[in-house]
Amino acid sequence: MNPVYDLVSERLVSYFGVPADLVRPEATMEDLEIDSLVLAEIAVILEDECGFRVEDAVAGATADMTLGEIAARLDRERLRAQSGKPAESDESGEWRAEPAEHAS
């Protein structure tokens, strides 16, 4: 997956006691018994460890979202923070961030 997925997975197991065999990209928040409070706690942990704001990335997460989808949102926010670009929303109001441009 990506470094953010790996970090989130590790924290779910170590901080919240989610069985490691259940932590996989296609697992939904409901499968993992993760509610909005746990997501908020994960956001605080990641902000402390990674140094970028993740609140917007987990806002609006639903029980049917997968761990892979949440990690992808977080990774986009990480890239956005590194690039200094503001987060944008599309016509549906869904949050998204532009990926960082890489210099050649």
PDB file of N, CA and C in Angstrom:
ATOM      1  N   MET A   1       0.855  -1.190   0.000  1.00  0.00           N
ATOM      2  CA  MET A   1       0.000   0.000   0.000  1.00  0.00           C
ATOM      3  C   MET A   1       0.898   1.249   0.000  1.00  0.00           C
ATOM      4  N   ASN A   2       0.855   1.997   1.092  1.00  0.00           N
ATOM      5  CA  ASN A   2       1.671   3.202   1.203  1.00  0.00           C
ATOM      6  C   ASN A   2       2.094   3.372   2.658  1.00  0.00           C
ATOM      7  N   PRO A   3       3.045   4.250   2.922  1.00  0.00           N
ATOM      8  CA  PRO A   3       3.528   4.412   4.301  1.00  0.00           C
ATOM      9  C   PRO A   3       2.430   4.820   5.284  1.00  0.00           C
ATOM     10  N   VAL A   4       1.473   5.616   4.828  1.00  0.00           N
ATOM     11  CA  VAL A   4       0.387   6.040   5.712  1.00  0.00           C
ATOM     12  C   VAL A   4      -0.483   4.840   6.070  1.00  0.00           C
ATOM     13  N   TYR A   5      -0.791   3.995   5.088  1.00  0.00           N
ATOM     14  CA  TYR A   5      -1.567   2.781   5.359  1.00  0.00           C
ATOM     15  C   TYR A   5      -0.838   1.927   6.397  1.00  0.00           C
ATOM     16  N   ASP A   6       0.465   1.739   6.206  1.00  0.00           N
ATOM     17  CA  ASP A   6       1.248   0.925   7.137  1.00  0.00           C
ATOM     18  C   ASP A   6       1.195   1.498   8.550  1.00  0.00           C
ATOM     19  N   LEU A   7       1.333   2.809   8.664  1.00  0.00           N
ATOM     20  CA  LEU A   7       1.304   3.454   9.973  1.00  0.00           C
ATOM     21  C   LEU A   7      -0.070   3.316  10.628  1.00  0.00           C
ATOM     22  N   VAL A   8      -1.135   3.568   9.866  1.00  0.00           N
ATOM     23  CA  VAL A   8      -2.487   3.440  10.408  1.00  0.00           C
ATOM     24  C   VAL A   8      -2.723   2.000  10.862  1.00  0.00           C
ATOM     25  N   SER A   9      -2.320   1.044  10.046  1.00  0.00           N
ATOM     26  CA  SER A   9      -2.497  -0.370  10.390  1.00  0.00           C
ATOM     27  C   SER A   9      -1.780  -0.715  11.689  1.00  0.00           C
ATOM     28  N   GLU A  10      -0.534  -0.271  11.799  1.00  0.00           N
ATOM     29  CA  GLU A  10       0.247  -0.542  13.010  1.00  0.00           C
ATOM     30  C   GLU A  10      -0.410   0.070  14.241  1.00  0.00           C
ATOM     31  N   ARG A  11      -0.923   1.294  14.103  1.00  0.00           N
ATOM     32  CA  ARG A  11      -1.544   1.961  15.248  1.00  0.00           C
ATOM     33  C   ARG A  11      -2.873   1.311  15.628  1.00  0.00           C
ATOM     34  N   LEU A  12      -3.622   0.828  14.656  1.00  0.00           N
ATOM     35  CA  LEU A  12      -4.870   0.134  14.977  1.00  0.00           C
ATOM     36  C   LEU A  12      -4.592  -1.096  15.832  1.00  0.00           C
ATOM     37  N   VAL A  13      -3.529  -1.796  15.512  1.00  0.00           N
ATOM     38  CA  VAL A  13      -3.167  -2.996  16.263  1.00  0.00           C
ATOM     39  C   VAL A  13      -2.590  -2.621  17.627  1.00  0.00           C
ATOM     40  N   SER A  14      -1.605  -1.709  17.645  1.00  0.00           N
ATOM     41  CA  SER A  14      -0.896  -1.421  18.894  1.00  0.00           C
ATOM     42  C   SER A  14      -1.680  -0.544  19.873  1.00  0.00           C
ATOM     43  N   TYR A  15      -2.393   0.462  19.390  1.00  0.00           N
ATOM     44  CA  TYR A  15      -3.115   1.373  20.277  1.00  0.00           C
ATOM     45  C   TYR A  15      -4.536   0.909  20.585  1.00  0.00           C
ATOM     46  N   PHE A  16      -5.186   0.303  19.600  1.00  0.00           N
ATOM     47  CA  PHE A  16      -6.610   0.014  19.744  1.00  0.00           C
ATOM     48  C   PHE A  16      -6.937  -1.473  19.812  1.00  0.00           C
ATOM     49  N   GLY A  17      -5.913  -2.325  19.755  1.00  0.00           N
ATOM     50  CA  GLY A  17      -6.119  -3.755  19.934  1.00  0.00           C
ATOM     51  C   GLY A  17      -6.880  -4.458  18.828  1.00  0.00           C
ATOM     52  N   VAL A  18      -6.902  -3.870  17.637  1.00  0.00           N
ATOM     53  CA  VAL A  18      -7.558  -4.536  16.509  1.00  0.00           C
ATOM     54  C   VAL A  18      -6.690  -5.734  16.121  1.00  0.00           C
ATOM     55  N   PRO A  19      -7.272  -6.932  16.014  1.00  0.00           N
ATOM     56  CA  PRO A  19      -6.482  -8.106  15.633  1.00  0.00           C
ATOM     57  C   PRO A  19      -5.797  -7.893  14.279  1.00  0.00           C
ATOM     58  N   ALA A  20      -4.498  -8.161  14.228  1.00  0.00           N
ATOM     59  CA  ALA A  20      -3.704  -7.910  13.021  1.00  0.00           C
ATOM     60  C   ALA A  20      -4.256  -8.632  11.799  1.00  0.00           C
ATOM     61  N   ASP A  21      -4.840  -9.817  11.989  1.00  0.00           N
ATOM     62  CA  ASP A  21      -5.352 -10.562  10.835  1.00  0.00           C
ATOM     63  C   ASP A  21      -6.601  -9.924  10.232  1.00  0.00           C
ATOM     64  N   LEU A  22      -7.238  -9.007  10.949  1.00  0.00           N
ATOM     65  CA  LEU A  22      -8.407  -8.300  10.412  1.00  0.00           C
ATOM     66  C   LEU A  22      -8.020  -7.030   9.665  1.00  0.00           C
ATOM     67  N   VAL A  23      -6.822  -6.533   9.928  1.00  0.00           N
ATOM     68  CA  VAL A  23      -6.372  -5.268   9.339  1.00  0.00           C
ATOM     69  C   VAL A  23      -5.869  -5.531   7.927  1.00  0.00           C
ATOM     70  N   ARG A  24      -6.701  -5.153   6.960  1.00  0.00           N
ATOM     71  CA  ARG A  24      -6.372  -5.314   5.542  1.00  0.00           C
ATOM     72  C   ARG A  24      -7.064  -4.189   4.774  1.00  0.00           C
ATOM     73  N   PRO A  25      -6.570  -3.845   3.600  1.00  0.00           N
ATOM     74  CA  PRO A  25      -7.104  -2.686   2.872  1.00  0.00           C
ATOM     75  C   PRO A  25      -8.607  -2.735   2.612  1.00  0.00           C
ATOM     76  N   GLU A  26      -9.153  -3.919   2.367  1.00  0.00           N
ATOM     77  CA  GLU A  26     -10.575  -4.018   2.027  1.00  0.00           C
ATOM     78  C   GLU A  26     -11.492  -4.091   3.247  1.00  0.00           C
ATOM     79  N   ALA A  27     -10.934  -4.120   4.453  1.00  0.00           N
ATOM     80  CA  ALA A  27     -11.743  -4.156   5.671  1.00  0.00           C
ATOM     81  C   ALA A  27     -12.425  -2.805   5.872  1.00  0.00           C
ATOM     82  N   THR A  28     -13.719  -2.844   6.145  1.00  0.00           N
ATOM     83  CA  THR A  28     -14.449  -1.600   6.399  1.00  0.00           C
ATOM     84  C   THR A  28     -14.279  -1.182   7.850  1.00  0.00           C
ATOM     85  N   MET A  29     -14.617   0.057   8.117  1.00  0.00           N
ATOM     86  CA  MET A  29     -14.561   0.543   9.488  1.00  0.00           C
ATOM     87  C   MET A  29     -15.485  -0.296  10.370  1.00  0.00           C
ATOM     88  N   GLU A  30     -16.617  -0.692   9.821  1.00  0.00           N
ATOM     89  CA  GLU A  30     -17.546  -1.541  10.561  1.00  0.00           C
ATOM     90  C   GLU A  30     -16.918  -2.904  10.857  1.00  0.00           C
ATOM     91  N   ASP A  31     -16.242  -3.499   9.867  1.00  0.00           N
ATOM     92  CA  ASP A  31     -15.556  -4.782  10.072  1.00  0.00           C
ATOM     93  C   ASP A  31     -14.568  -4.694  11.230  1.00  0.00           C
ATOM     94  N   LEU A  32     -13.873  -3.567  11.309  1.00  0.00           N
ATOM     95  CA  LEU A  32     -12.829  -3.375  12.315  1.00  0.00           C
ATOM     96  C   LEU A  32     -13.372  -2.807  13.627  1.00  0.00           C
ATOM     97  N   GLU A  33     -14.684  -2.554  13.660  1.00  0.00           N
ATOM     98  CA  GLU A  33     -15.354  -1.971  14.823  1.00  0.00           C
ATOM     99  C   GLU A  33     -14.741  -0.623  15.208  1.00  0.00           C
ATOM    100  N   ILE A  34     -14.478   0.176  14.163  1.00  0.00           N
ATOM    101  CA  ILE A  34     -13.919   1.514  14.350  1.00  0.00           C
ATOM    102  C   ILE A  34     -15.039   2.530  14.168  1.00  0.00           C
ATOM    103  N   ASP A  35     -15.240   3.348  15.182  1.00  0.00           N
ATOM    104  CA  ASP A  35     -16.260   4.383  15.089  1.00  0.00           C
ATOM    105  C   ASP A  35     -15.598   5.748  14.927  1.00  0.00           C
ATOM    106  N   SER A  36     -16.407   6.776  14.890  1.00  0.00           N
ATOM    107  CA  SER A  36     -15.878   8.122  14.659  1.00  0.00           C
ATOM    108  C   SER A  36     -14.947   8.571  15.783  1.00  0.00           C
ATOM    109  N   LEU A  37     -15.179   8.114  17.001  1.00  0.00           N
ATOM    110  CA  LEU A  37     -14.300   8.474  18.110  1.00  0.00           C
ATOM    111  C   LEU A  37     -12.904   7.889  17.907  1.00  0.00           C
ATOM    112  N   VAL A  38     -12.830   6.627  17.491  1.00  0.00           N
ATOM    113  CA  VAL A  38     -11.530   6.001  17.230  1.00  0.00           C
ATOM    114  C   VAL A  38     -10.839   6.716  16.074  1.00  0.00           C
ATOM    115  N   LEU A  39     -11.592   7.072  15.027  1.00  0.00           N
ATOM    116  CA  LEU A  39     -10.993   7.808  13.912  1.00  0.00           C
ATOM    117  C   LEU A  39     -10.424   9.144  14.375  1.00  0.00           C
ATOM    118  N   ALA A  40     -11.136   9.817  15.262  1.00  0.00           N
ATOM    119  CA  ALA A  40     -10.636  11.089  15.790  1.00  0.00           C
ATOM    120  C   ALA A  40      -9.350  10.869  16.589  1.00  0.00           C
ATOM    121  N   GLU A  41      -9.302   9.789  17.359  1.00  0.00           N
ATOM    122  CA  GLU A  41      -8.087   9.475  18.117  1.00  0.00           C
ATOM    123  C   GLU A  41      -6.931   9.148  17.179  1.00  0.00           C
ATOM    124  N   ILE A  42      -7.216   8.405  16.117  1.00  0.00           N
ATOM    125  CA  ILE A  42      -6.186   8.083  15.127  1.00  0.00           C
ATOM    126  C   ILE A  42      -5.660   9.372  14.498  1.00  0.00           C
ATOM    127  N   ALA A  43      -6.564  10.307  14.211  1.00  0.00           N
ATOM    128  CA  ALA A  43      -6.157  11.585  13.619  1.00  0.00           C
ATOM    129  C   ALA A  43      -5.167  12.308  14.525  1.00  0.00           C
ATOM    130  N   VAL A  44      -5.439  12.336  15.827  1.00  0.00           N
ATOM    131  CA  VAL A  44      -4.543  13.006  16.775  1.00  0.00           C
ATOM    132  C   VAL A  44      -3.185  12.312  16.804  1.00  0.00           C
ATOM    133  N   ILE A  45      -3.188  10.991  16.839  1.00  0.00           N
ATOM    134  CA  ILE A  45      -1.934  10.223  16.861  1.00  0.00           C
ATOM    135  C   ILE A  45      -1.117  10.518  15.609  1.00  0.00           C
ATOM    136  N   LEU A  46      -1.772  10.471  14.446  1.00  0.00           N
ATOM    137  CA  LEU A  46      -1.059  10.707  13.189  1.00  0.00           C
ATOM    138  C   LEU A  46      -0.539  12.136  13.090  1.00  0.00           C
ATOM    139  N   GLU A  47      -1.337  13.094  13.544  1.00  0.00           N
ATOM    140  CA  GLU A  47      -0.872  14.480  13.520  1.00  0.00           C
ATOM    141  C   GLU A  47       0.377  14.634  14.377  1.00  0.00           C
ATOM    142  N   ASP A  48       0.379  14.003  15.546  1.00  0.00           N
ATOM    143  CA  ASP A  48       1.548  14.078  16.429  1.00  0.00           C
ATOM    144  C   ASP A  48       2.759  13.405  15.809  1.00  0.00           C
ATOM    145  N   GLU A  49       2.560  12.250  15.199  1.00  0.00           N
ATOM    146  CA  GLU A  49       3.676  11.475  14.666  1.00  0.00           C
ATOM    147  C   GLU A  49       4.167  11.971  13.310  1.00  0.00           C
ATOM    148  N   CYS A  50       3.258  12.473  12.488  1.00  0.00           N
ATOM    149  CA  CYS A  50       3.615  12.806  11.104  1.00  0.00           C
ATOM    150  C   CYS A  50       3.761  14.295  10.845  1.00  0.00           C
ATOM    151  N   GLY A  51       3.162  15.114  11.695  1.00  0.00           N
ATOM    152  CA  GLY A  51       3.315  16.546  11.540  1.00  0.00           C
ATOM    153  C   GLY A  51       2.446  17.180  10.468  1.00  0.00           C
ATOM    154  N   PHE A  52       1.383  16.508  10.039  1.00  0.00           N
ATOM    155  CA  PHE A  52       0.449  17.143   9.113  1.00  0.00           C
ATOM    156  C   PHE A  52      -0.967  16.955   9.633  1.00  0.00           C
ATOM    157  N   ARG A  53      -1.830  17.896   9.280  1.00  0.00           N
ATOM    158  CA  ARG A  53      -3.210  17.874   9.756  1.00  0.00           C
ATOM    159  C   ARG A  53      -4.006  16.822   8.999  1.00  0.00           C
ATOM    160  N   VAL A  54      -4.696  15.961   9.736  1.00  0.00           N
ATOM    161  CA  VAL A  54      -5.436  14.879   9.088  1.00  0.00           C
ATOM    162  C   VAL A  54      -6.936  14.941   9.350  1.00  0.00           C
ATOM    163  N   GLU A  55      -7.365  15.916  10.108  1.00  0.00           N
ATOM    164  CA  GLU A  55      -8.779  16.005  10.470  1.00  0.00           C
ATOM    165  C   GLU A  55      -9.693  16.007   9.246  1.00  0.00           C
ATOM    166  N   ASP A  56      -9.349  16.802   8.231  1.00  0.00           N
ATOM    167  CA  ASP A  56     -10.182  16.872   7.034  1.00  0.00           C
ATOM    168  C   ASP A  56     -10.242  15.535   6.300  1.00  0.00           C
ATOM    169  N   ALA A  57      -9.174  14.777   6.365  1.00  0.00           N
ATOM    170  CA  ALA A  57      -9.114  13.502   5.655  1.00  0.00           C
ATOM    171  C   ALA A  57     -10.026  12.455   6.278  1.00  0.00           C
ATOM    172  N   VAL A  58     -10.245  12.512   7.586  1.00  0.00           N
ATOM    173  CA  VAL A  58     -11.107  11.521   8.227  1.00  0.00           C
ATOM    174  C   VAL A  58     -12.518  12.045   8.459  1.00  0.00           C
ATOM    175  N   ALA A  59     -12.718  13.347   8.288  1.00  0.00           N
ATOM    176  CA  ALA A  59     -14.057  13.911   8.439  1.00  0.00           C
ATOM    177  C   ALA A  59     -14.977  13.302   7.391  1.00  0.00           C
ATOM    178  N   GLY A  60     -16.140  12.915   7.810  1.00  0.00           N
ATOM    179  CA  GLY A  60     -17.110  12.353   6.880  1.00  0.00           C
ATOM    180  C   GLY A  60     -16.897  10.886   6.566  1.00  0.00           C
ATOM    181  N   ALA A  61     -15.935  10.260   7.223  1.00  0.00           N
ATOM    182  CA  ALA A  61     -15.723   8.828   7.003  1.00  0.00           C
ATOM    183  C   ALA A  61     -16.951   8.072   7.498  1.00  0.00           C
ATOM    184  N   THR A  62     -17.325   7.057   6.769  1.00  0.00           N
ATOM    185  CA  THR A  62     -18.506   6.276   7.114  1.00  0.00           C
ATOM    186  C   THR A  62     -18.119   4.838   7.438  1.00  0.00           C
ATOM    187  N   ALA A  63     -19.040   4.115   8.056  1.00  0.00           N
ATOM    188  CA  ALA A  63     -18.781   2.738   8.475  1.00  0.00           C
ATOM    189  C   ALA A  63     -18.470   1.821   7.304  1.00  0.00           C
ATOM    190  N   ASP A  64     -18.956   2.175   6.101  1.00  0.00           N
ATOM    191  CA  ASP A  64     -18.711   1.301   4.946  1.00  0.00           C
ATOM    192  C   ASP A  64     -17.440   1.664   4.175  1.00  0.00           C
ATOM    193  N   MET A  65     -16.721   2.687   4.627  1.00  0.00           N
ATOM    194  CA  MET A  65     -15.437   3.017   3.990  1.00  0.00           C
ATOM    195  C   MET A  65     -14.401   1.989   4.404  1.00  0.00           C
ATOM    196  N   THR A  66     -13.504   1.676   3.477  1.00  0.00           N
ATOM    197  CA  THR A  66     -12.471   0.694   3.783  1.00  0.00           C
ATOM    198  C   THR A  66     -11.237   1.366   4.374  1.00  0.00           C
ATOM    199  N   LEU A  67     -10.432   0.555   5.012  1.00  0.00           N
ATOM    200  CA  LEU A  67      -9.172   1.047   5.556  1.00  0.00           C
ATOM    201  C   LEU A  67      -8.301   1.602   4.436  1.00  0.00           C
ATOM    202  N   GLY A  68      -8.317   0.946   3.287  1.00  0.00           N
ATOM    203  CA  GLY A  68      -7.561   1.430   2.135  1.00  0.00           C
ATOM    204  C   GLY A  68      -8.026   2.799   1.677  1.00  0.00           C
ATOM    205  N   GLU A  69      -9.339   3.024   1.678  1.00  0.00           N
ATOM    206  CA  GLU A  69      -9.880   4.332   1.279  1.00  0.00           C
ATOM    207  C   GLU A  69      -9.478   5.425   2.273  1.00  0.00           C
ATOM    208  N   ILE A  70      -9.563   5.115   3.550  1.00  0.00           N
ATOM    209  CA  ILE A  70      -9.167   6.087   4.577  1.00  0.00           C
ATOM    210  C   ILE A  70      -7.680   6.405   4.442  1.00  0.00           C
ATOM    211  N   ALA A  71      -6.862   5.366   4.264  1.00  0.00           N
ATOM    212  CA  ALA A  71      -5.415   5.574   4.119  1.00  0.00           C
ATOM    213  C   ALA A  71      -5.107   6.406   2.880  1.00  0.00           C
ATOM    214  N   ALA A  72      -5.838   6.183   1.793  1.00  0.00           N
ATOM    215  CA  ALA A  72      -5.622   6.967   0.572  1.00  0.00           C
ATOM    216  C   ALA A  72      -5.961   8.437   0.816  1.00  0.00           C
ATOM    217  N   ARG A  73      -7.042   8.710   1.544  1.00  0.00           N
ATOM    218  CA  ARG A  73      -7.395  10.092   1.879  1.00  0.00           C
ATOM    219  C   ARG A  73      -6.293  10.735   2.714  1.00  0.00           C
ATOM    220  N   LEU A  74      -5.792   9.981   3.690  1.00  0.00           N
ATOM    221  CA  LEU A  74      -4.718  10.496   4.540  1.00  0.00           C
ATOM    222  C   LEU A  74      -3.451  10.749   3.738  1.00  0.00           C
ATOM    223  N   ASP A  75      -3.146   9.854   2.810  1.00  0.00           N
ATOM    224  CA  ASP A  75      -1.941  10.027   2.001  1.00  0.00           C
ATOM    225  C   ASP A  75      -2.066  11.247   1.090  1.00  0.00           C
ATOM    226  N   ARG A  76      -3.253  11.480   0.528  1.00  0.00           N
ATOM    227  CA  ARG A  76      -3.459  12.687  -0.284  1.00  0.00           C
ATOM    228  C   ARG A  76      -3.255  13.943   0.563  1.00  0.00           C
ATOM    229  N   GLU A  77      -3.733  13.896   1.806  1.00  0.00           N
ATOM    230  CA  GLU A  77      -3.547  15.050   2.691  1.00  0.00           C
ATOM    231  C   GLU A  77      -2.068  15.243   3.007  1.00  0.00           C
ATOM    232  N   ARG A  78      -1.338  14.158   3.200  1.00  0.00           N
ATOM    233  CA  ARG A  78       0.108  14.245   3.447  1.00  0.00           C
ATOM    234  C   ARG A  78       0.799  14.907   2.260  1.00  0.00           C
ATOM    235  N   LEU A  79       0.462  14.468   1.060  1.00  0.00           N
ATOM    236  CA  LEU A  79       1.061  15.042  -0.147  1.00  0.00           C
ATOM    237  C   LEU A  79       0.682  16.509  -0.307  1.00  0.00           C
ATOM    238  N   ARG A  80      -0.576  16.830  -0.004  1.00  0.00           N
ATOM    239  CA  ARG A  80      -1.034  18.213  -0.091  1.00  0.00           C
ATOM    240  C   ARG A  80      -0.267  19.086   0.895  1.00  0.00           C
ATOM    241  N   ALA A  81      -0.097  18.585   2.107  1.00  0.00           N
ATOM    242  CA  ALA A  81       0.620  19.349   3.127  1.00  0.00           C
ATOM    243  C   ALA A  81       2.070  19.579   2.713  1.00  0.00           C
ATOM    244  N   GLN A  82       2.684  18.571   2.125  1.00  0.00           N
ATOM    245  CA  GLN A  82       4.071  18.709   1.676  1.00  0.00           C
ATOM    246  C   GLN A  82       4.196  19.717   0.543  1.00  0.00           C
ATOM    247  N   SER A  83       3.182  19.772  -0.317  1.00  0.00           N
ATOM    248  CA  SER A  83       3.245  20.668  -1.470  1.00  0.00           C
ATOM    249  C   SER A  83       2.822  22.094  -1.131  1.00  0.00           C
ATOM    250  N   GLY A  84       2.109  22.252  -0.013  1.00  0.00           N
ATOM    251  CA  GLY A  84       1.624  23.567   0.367  1.00  0.00           C
ATOM    252  C   GLY A  84       0.350  23.970  -0.346  1.00  0.00           C
ATOM    253  N   LYS A  85      -0.250  23.052  -1.123  1.00  0.00           N
ATOM    254  CA  LYS A  85      -1.493  23.361  -1.835  1.00  0.00           C
ATOM    255  C   LYS A  85      -2.681  23.192  -0.899  1.00  0.00           C
ATOM    256  N   PRO A  86      -3.695  24.044  -1.034  1.00  0.00           N
ATOM    257  CA  PRO A  86      -4.892  23.894  -0.204  1.00  0.00           C
ATOM    258  C   PRO A  86      -5.729  22.713  -0.670  1.00  0.00           C
ATOM    259  N   ALA A  87      -6.470  22.131   0.261  1.00  0.00           N
ATOM    260  CA  ALA A  87      -7.403  21.061  -0.093  1.00  0.00           C
ATOM    261  C   ALA A  87      -8.529  21.667  -0.904  1.00  0.00           C
ATOM    262  N   GLU A  88      -9.087  20.886  -1.797  1.00  0.00           N
ATOM    263  CA  GLU A  88     -10.191  21.344  -2.637  1.00  0.00           C
ATOM    264  C   GLU A  88     -11.367  20.412  -2.447  1.00  0.00           C
ATOM    265  N   SER A  89     -12.545  20.849  -2.880  1.00  0.00           N
ATOM    266  CA  SER A  89     -13.682  19.942  -2.895  1.00  0.00           C
ATOM    267  C   SER A  89     -14.234  19.925  -4.304  1.00  0.00           C
ATOM    268  N   ASP A  90     -14.756  18.767  -4.703  1.00  0.00           N
ATOM    269  CA  ASP A  90     -15.320  18.670  -6.041  1.00  0.00           C
ATOM    270  C   ASP A  90     -16.773  19.126  -6.005  1.00  0.00           C
ATOM    271  N   GLU A  91     -17.473  18.994  -7.111  1.00  0.00           N
ATOM    272  CA  GLU A  91     -18.840  19.496  -7.203  1.00  0.00           C
ATOM    273  C   GLU A  91     -19.783  18.822  -6.218  1.00  0.00           C
ATOM    274  N   SER A  92     -19.491  17.591  -5.817  1.00  0.00           N
ATOM    275  CA  SER A  92     -20.364  16.888  -4.883  1.00  0.00           C
ATOM    276  C   SER A  92     -20.121  17.332  -3.444  1.00  0.00           C
ATOM    277  N   GLY A  93     -19.091  18.167  -3.229  1.00  0.00           N
ATOM    278  CA  GLY A  93     -18.745  18.580  -1.878  1.00  0.00           C
ATOM    279  C   GLY A  93     -17.811  17.600  -1.202  1.00  0.00           C
ATOM    280  N   GLU A  94     -17.439  16.558  -1.914  1.00  0.00           N
ATOM    281  CA  GLU A  94     -16.532  15.540  -1.378  1.00  0.00           C
ATOM    282  C   GLU A  94     -15.133  16.126  -1.275  1.00  0.00           C
ATOM    283  N   TRP A  95     -14.469  15.909  -0.164  1.00  0.00           N
ATOM    284  CA  TRP A  95     -13.119  16.433   0.042  1.00  0.00           C
ATOM    285  C   TRP A  95     -12.136  15.714  -0.854  1.00  0.00           C
ATOM    286  N   ARG A  96     -11.163  16.458  -1.378  1.00  0.00           N
ATOM    287  CA  ARG A  96     -10.054  15.845  -2.105  1.00  0.00           C
ATOM    288  C   ARG A  96      -8.882  16.799  -2.032  1.00  0.00           C
ATOM    289  N   ALA A  97      -7.711  16.284  -2.236  1.00  0.00           N
ATOM    290  CA  ALA A  97      -6.507  17.115  -2.252  1.00  0.00           C
ATOM    291  C   ALA A  97      -5.737  16.803  -3.509  1.00  0.00           C
ATOM    292  N   GLU A  98      -5.088  17.810  -4.035  1.00  0.00           N
ATOM    293  CA  GLU A  98      -4.255  17.611  -5.218  1.00  0.00           C
ATOM    294  C   GLU A  98      -2.943  16.974  -4.793  1.00  0.00           C
ATOM    295  N   PRO A  99      -2.446  15.981  -5.530  1.00  0.00           N
ATOM    296  CA  PRO A  99      -1.150  15.394  -5.187  1.00  0.00           C
ATOM    297  C   PRO A  99      -0.024  16.386  -5.440  1.00  0.00           C
ATOM    298  N   ALA A 100       1.055  16.190  -4.739  1.00  0.00           N
ATOM    299  CA  ALA A 100       2.218  17.060  -4.906  1.00  0.00           C
ATOM    300  C   ALA A 100       2.831  16.853  -6.273  1.00  0.00           C
ATOM    301  N   GLU A 101       3.346  17.939  -6.859  1.00  0.00           N
ATOM    302  CA  GLU A 101       4.072  17.828  -8.120  1.00  0.00           C
ATOM    303  C   GLU A 101       5.504  17.485  -7.786  1.00  0.00           C
ATOM    304  N   HIS A 102       6.086  16.573  -8.550  1.00  0.00           N
ATOM    305  CA  HIS A 102       7.456  16.147  -8.298  1.00  0.00           C
ATOM    306  C   HIS A 102       8.395  16.845  -9.265  1.00  0.00           C
ATOM    307  N   ALA A 103       9.452  17.396  -8.733  1.00  0.00           N
ATOM    308  CA  ALA A 103      10.459  18.052  -9.566  1.00  0.00           C
ATOM    309  C   ALA A 103      11.317  16.998 -10.240  1.00  0.00           C
ATOM    310  N   SER A 104      11.718  17.259 -11.470  1.00  0.00           N
ATOM    311  CA  SER A 104      12.556  16.307 -12.200  1.00  0.00           C
ATOM    312  C   SER A 104      14.003  16.547 -11.906  1.00  0.00           C
TER     313      SER A 104
END
